[in-house]
Amino acid sequence: MWGESFIPEYFDIQQVITVIDGSTFNTYFPSMRQLFFDMISKSELVIINRCDYTEETVKTKNSVKLINSNVEVIALDKNDNQIRLSME
């Protein structure tokens, strides 16, 4: 996403985190696939916020895991409570 020239030498990247708006991901993913791929493939943690435990949220998690099978995925509802999602 950003070239290394934008990161000062004295910065040390500890973790790459991507936040996805769960209420709009499945709407934007088909047309912005490359952007999402670039962000998710470099992430160690993906937070899906603003979602409920629905089939769409499970599909979002599955899409993320298909891009990066090593990423940790956390889903949060609209009140910032964690939702446990199973893989389907």
N, C-alpha and C. Protein backbone atom coordinates (compact mmCIF):
# COMPACT_ATOMS: atom_id res chain seq x y z
N MET A 1 0.83 -1.18 0.00
CA MET A 1 0.00 0.00 0.00
C MET A 1 0.88 1.25 0.00
N TRP A 2 1.69 1.43 1.02
CA TRP A 2 2.62 2.55 1.05
C TRP A 2 3.99 2.00 0.69
N GLY A 3 4.73 2.81 -0.05
CA GLY A 3 6.09 2.41 -0.36
C GLY A 3 6.96 2.56 0.88
N GLU A 4 8.05 1.86 0.92
CA GLU A 4 8.95 1.94 2.06
C GLU A 4 9.52 3.34 2.23
N SER A 5 9.53 4.15 1.18
CA SER A 5 10.07 5.49 1.27
C SER A 5 9.24 6.38 2.20
N PHE A 6 8.00 5.99 2.50
CA PHE A 6 7.15 6.79 3.37
C PHE A 6 7.35 6.45 4.85
N ILE A 7 8.08 5.39 5.13
CA ILE A 7 8.28 4.97 6.52
C ILE A 7 9.67 5.43 6.97
N PRO A 8 9.73 6.31 7.96
CA PRO A 8 11.05 6.77 8.43
C PRO A 8 11.90 5.59 8.94
N GLU A 9 13.20 5.73 8.81
CA GLU A 9 14.11 4.66 9.20
C GLU A 9 13.99 4.30 10.67
N TYR A 10 13.66 5.25 11.51
CA TYR A 10 13.60 4.98 12.95
C TYR A 10 12.29 4.31 13.37
N PHE A 11 11.36 4.10 12.44
CA PHE A 11 10.13 3.36 12.74
C PHE A 11 10.40 1.87 12.63
N ASP A 12 9.80 1.11 13.50
CA ASP A 12 9.91 -0.33 13.46
C ASP A 12 8.49 -0.90 13.43
N ILE A 13 8.12 -1.53 12.35
CA ILE A 13 6.76 -2.07 12.22
C ILE A 13 6.67 -3.34 13.04
N GLN A 14 5.74 -3.36 13.98
CA GLN A 14 5.55 -4.51 14.86
C GLN A 14 4.46 -5.46 14.36
N GLN A 15 3.40 -4.89 13.78
CA GLN A 15 2.29 -5.71 13.32
C GLN A 15 1.50 -4.91 12.28
N VAL A 16 0.99 -5.63 11.29
CA VAL A 16 0.14 -5.02 10.28
C VAL A 16 -1.30 -5.43 10.58
N ILE A 17 -2.16 -4.44 10.79
CA ILE A 17 -3.56 -4.67 11.15
C ILE A 17 -4.44 -4.01 10.10
N THR A 18 -5.46 -4.73 9.64
CA THR A 18 -6.43 -4.19 8.71
C THR A 18 -7.80 -4.22 9.37
N VAL A 19 -8.53 -3.12 9.27
CA VAL A 19 -9.90 -3.04 9.81
C VAL A 19 -10.86 -3.01 8.62
N ILE A 20 -11.84 -3.90 8.65
CA ILE A 20 -12.83 -4.00 7.57
C ILE A 20 -14.20 -3.68 8.15
N ASP A 21 -14.94 -2.84 7.48
CA ASP A 21 -16.33 -2.55 7.86
C ASP A 21 -17.19 -3.71 7.38
N GLY A 22 -17.62 -4.54 8.30
CA GLY A 22 -18.38 -5.74 7.96
C GLY A 22 -19.72 -5.44 7.32
N SER A 23 -20.25 -4.24 7.53
CA SER A 23 -21.56 -3.91 6.96
C SER A 23 -21.48 -3.58 5.47
N THR A 24 -20.27 -3.30 4.95
CA THR A 24 -20.14 -2.93 3.54
C THR A 24 -19.15 -3.79 2.75
N PHE A 25 -18.41 -4.67 3.41
CA PHE A 25 -17.36 -5.44 2.73
C PHE A 25 -17.87 -6.19 1.51
N ASN A 26 -18.95 -6.94 1.65
CA ASN A 26 -19.44 -7.76 0.54
C ASN A 26 -20.01 -6.92 -0.61
N THR A 27 -20.32 -5.66 -0.35
CA THR A 27 -20.75 -4.75 -1.41
C THR A 27 -19.56 -4.26 -2.22
N TYR A 28 -18.48 -3.90 -1.52
CA TYR A 28 -17.32 -3.31 -2.19
C TYR A 28 -16.29 -4.32 -2.67
N PHE A 29 -16.25 -5.51 -2.08
CA PHE A 29 -15.21 -6.49 -2.42
C PHE A 29 -15.16 -6.83 -3.91
N PRO A 30 -16.28 -7.08 -4.59
CA PRO A 30 -16.19 -7.44 -6.01
C PRO A 30 -15.53 -6.37 -6.87
N SER A 31 -15.77 -5.11 -6.60
CA SER A 31 -15.21 -4.05 -7.44
C SER A 31 -13.85 -3.54 -6.96
N MET A 32 -13.48 -3.85 -5.72
CA MET A 32 -12.21 -3.38 -5.16
C MET A 32 -11.34 -4.55 -4.70
N ARG A 33 -11.47 -5.65 -5.40
CA ARG A 33 -10.80 -6.89 -5.01
C ARG A 33 -9.29 -6.72 -4.83
N GLN A 34 -8.63 -6.03 -5.76
CA GLN A 34 -7.17 -5.89 -5.69
C GLN A 34 -6.74 -5.08 -4.47
N LEU A 35 -7.47 -4.03 -4.15
CA LEU A 35 -7.15 -3.22 -2.97
C LEU A 35 -7.26 -4.05 -1.70
N PHE A 36 -8.37 -4.79 -1.57
CA PHE A 36 -8.54 -5.65 -0.41
C PHE A 36 -7.46 -6.73 -0.37
N PHE A 37 -7.15 -7.30 -1.52
CA PHE A 37 -6.12 -8.34 -1.58
C PHE A 37 -4.78 -7.80 -1.08
N ASP A 38 -4.40 -6.62 -1.54
CA ASP A 38 -3.13 -6.03 -1.13
C ASP A 38 -3.07 -5.79 0.37
N MET A 39 -4.16 -5.29 0.95
CA MET A 39 -4.17 -5.02 2.39
C MET A 39 -4.18 -6.30 3.21
N ILE A 40 -5.06 -7.23 2.86
CA ILE A 40 -5.24 -8.45 3.65
C ILE A 40 -4.04 -9.37 3.53
N SER A 41 -3.43 -9.46 2.36
CA SER A 41 -2.31 -10.39 2.17
C SER A 41 -1.10 -10.00 3.01
N LYS A 42 -0.97 -8.73 3.40
CA LYS A 42 0.16 -8.28 4.20
C LYS A 42 -0.17 -8.18 5.69
N SER A 43 -1.41 -8.48 6.05
CA SER A 43 -1.86 -8.31 7.43
C SER A 43 -1.58 -9.53 8.29
N GLU A 44 -1.37 -9.25 9.56
CA GLU A 44 -1.26 -10.32 10.55
C GLU A 44 -2.56 -10.45 11.34
N LEU A 45 -3.33 -9.37 11.35
CA LEU A 45 -4.60 -9.34 12.06
C LEU A 45 -5.61 -8.56 11.23
N VAL A 46 -6.80 -9.12 11.06
CA VAL A 46 -7.90 -8.42 10.40
C VAL A 46 -9.05 -8.33 11.40
N ILE A 47 -9.52 -7.11 11.61
CA ILE A 47 -10.66 -6.87 12.48
C ILE A 47 -11.85 -6.53 11.60
N ILE A 48 -12.90 -7.33 11.71
CA ILE A 48 -14.15 -7.06 10.99
C ILE A 48 -15.08 -6.42 12.02
N ASN A 49 -15.35 -5.14 11.84
CA ASN A 49 -16.22 -4.46 12.80
C ASN A 49 -17.59 -4.19 12.19
N ARG A 50 -18.51 -3.72 13.02
CA ARG A 50 -19.88 -3.38 12.61
C ARG A 50 -20.59 -4.55 11.93
N CYS A 51 -20.55 -5.70 12.55
CA CYS A 51 -21.21 -6.86 11.95
C CYS A 51 -22.00 -7.62 13.00
N ASP A 52 -22.85 -8.50 12.53
CA ASP A 52 -23.61 -9.41 13.37
C ASP A 52 -23.24 -10.81 12.93
N TYR A 53 -23.60 -11.79 13.75
CA TYR A 53 -23.32 -13.17 13.36
C TYR A 53 -24.36 -13.56 12.30
N THR A 54 -23.96 -13.42 11.05
CA THR A 54 -24.83 -13.79 9.94
C THR A 54 -24.02 -14.57 8.92
N GLU A 55 -24.70 -15.10 7.94
CA GLU A 55 -24.02 -15.82 6.86
C GLU A 55 -23.07 -14.89 6.11
N GLU A 56 -23.45 -13.61 5.96
CA GLU A 56 -22.59 -12.65 5.28
C GLU A 56 -21.27 -12.44 6.03
N THR A 57 -21.34 -12.39 7.36
CA THR A 57 -20.13 -12.21 8.15
C THR A 57 -19.22 -13.42 8.05
N VAL A 58 -19.80 -14.60 8.04
CA VAL A 58 -19.01 -15.83 7.85
C VAL A 58 -18.37 -15.82 6.47
N LYS A 59 -19.10 -15.37 5.45
CA LYS A 59 -18.54 -15.26 4.10
C LYS A 59 -17.39 -14.26 4.06
N THR A 60 -17.51 -13.17 4.80
CA THR A 60 -16.44 -12.18 4.87
C THR A 60 -15.19 -12.81 5.48
N LYS A 61 -15.35 -13.53 6.59
CA LYS A 61 -14.21 -14.19 7.21
C LYS A 61 -13.59 -15.20 6.25
N ASN A 62 -14.41 -15.98 5.57
CA ASN A 62 -13.89 -16.96 4.63
C ASN A 62 -13.13 -16.30 3.48
N SER A 63 -13.63 -15.16 3.00
CA SER A 63 -12.93 -14.42 1.94
C SER A 63 -11.56 -13.95 2.43
N VAL A 64 -11.51 -13.45 3.64
CA VAL A 64 -10.25 -12.99 4.22
C VAL A 64 -9.27 -14.16 4.35
N LYS A 65 -9.74 -15.30 4.84
CA LYS A 65 -8.87 -16.47 5.04
C LYS A 65 -8.41 -17.06 3.71
N LEU A 66 -9.20 -16.92 2.65
CA LEU A 66 -8.76 -17.38 1.34
C LEU A 66 -7.61 -16.53 0.81
N ILE A 67 -7.62 -15.25 1.12
CA ILE A 67 -6.55 -14.36 0.70
C ILE A 67 -5.28 -14.60 1.53
N ASN A 68 -5.45 -14.77 2.84
CA ASN A 68 -4.31 -14.95 3.74
C ASN A 68 -4.69 -15.97 4.80
N SER A 69 -4.28 -17.21 4.60
CA SER A 69 -4.68 -18.29 5.51
C SER A 69 -4.03 -18.17 6.89
N ASN A 70 -2.97 -17.37 7.02
CA ASN A 70 -2.28 -17.23 8.30
C ASN A 70 -2.78 -16.08 9.15
N VAL A 71 -3.68 -15.29 8.62
CA VAL A 71 -4.14 -14.10 9.33
C VAL A 71 -5.09 -14.48 10.46
N GLU A 72 -5.00 -13.73 11.56
CA GLU A 72 -5.96 -13.89 12.65
C GLU A 72 -7.13 -12.95 12.36
N VAL A 73 -8.35 -13.46 12.49
CA VAL A 73 -9.54 -12.66 12.19
C VAL A 73 -10.37 -12.51 13.45
N ILE A 74 -10.70 -11.28 13.78
CA ILE A 74 -11.56 -10.98 14.91
C ILE A 74 -12.78 -10.23 14.38
N ALA A 75 -13.96 -10.65 14.79
CA ALA A 75 -15.20 -9.97 14.38
C ALA A 75 -15.80 -9.28 15.60
N LEU A 76 -16.23 -8.03 15.40
CA LEU A 76 -16.84 -7.25 16.46
C LEU A 76 -18.22 -6.78 16.02
N ASP A 77 -19.18 -6.84 16.93
CA ASP A 77 -20.52 -6.36 16.60
C ASP A 77 -20.58 -4.84 16.74
N LYS A 78 -21.75 -4.29 16.57
CA LYS A 78 -21.92 -2.83 16.60
C LYS A 78 -21.63 -2.22 17.97
N ASN A 79 -21.61 -3.07 19.02
CA ASN A 79 -21.29 -2.61 20.37
C ASN A 79 -19.87 -2.97 20.77
N ASP A 80 -19.05 -3.38 19.81
CA ASP A 80 -17.65 -3.76 20.01
C ASP A 80 -17.47 -5.01 20.86
N ASN A 81 -18.48 -5.88 20.88
CA ASN A 81 -18.35 -7.18 21.52
C ASN A 81 -17.86 -8.18 20.49
N GLN A 82 -16.94 -9.06 20.90
CA GLN A 82 -16.39 -10.03 19.97
C GLN A 82 -17.41 -11.10 19.62
N ILE A 83 -17.43 -11.47 18.34
CA ILE A 83 -18.32 -12.51 17.83
C ILE A 83 -17.45 -13.70 17.44
N ARG A 84 -17.81 -14.88 17.89
CA ARG A 84 -17.08 -16.08 17.50
C ARG A 84 -17.64 -16.60 16.19
N LEU A 85 -16.79 -16.67 15.18
CA LEU A 85 -17.20 -17.14 13.86
C LEU A 85 -16.53 -18.48 13.57
N SER A 86 -17.29 -19.40 13.06
CA SER A 86 -16.71 -20.67 12.63
C SER A 86 -16.47 -20.62 11.13
N MET A 87 -15.54 -21.44 10.65
CA MET A 87 -15.29 -21.53 9.22
C MET A 87 -16.34 -22.44 8.61
N GLU A 88 -16.88 -22.04 7.46
CA GLU A 88 -17.87 -22.87 6.77
C GLU A 88 -17.42 -23.11 5.37
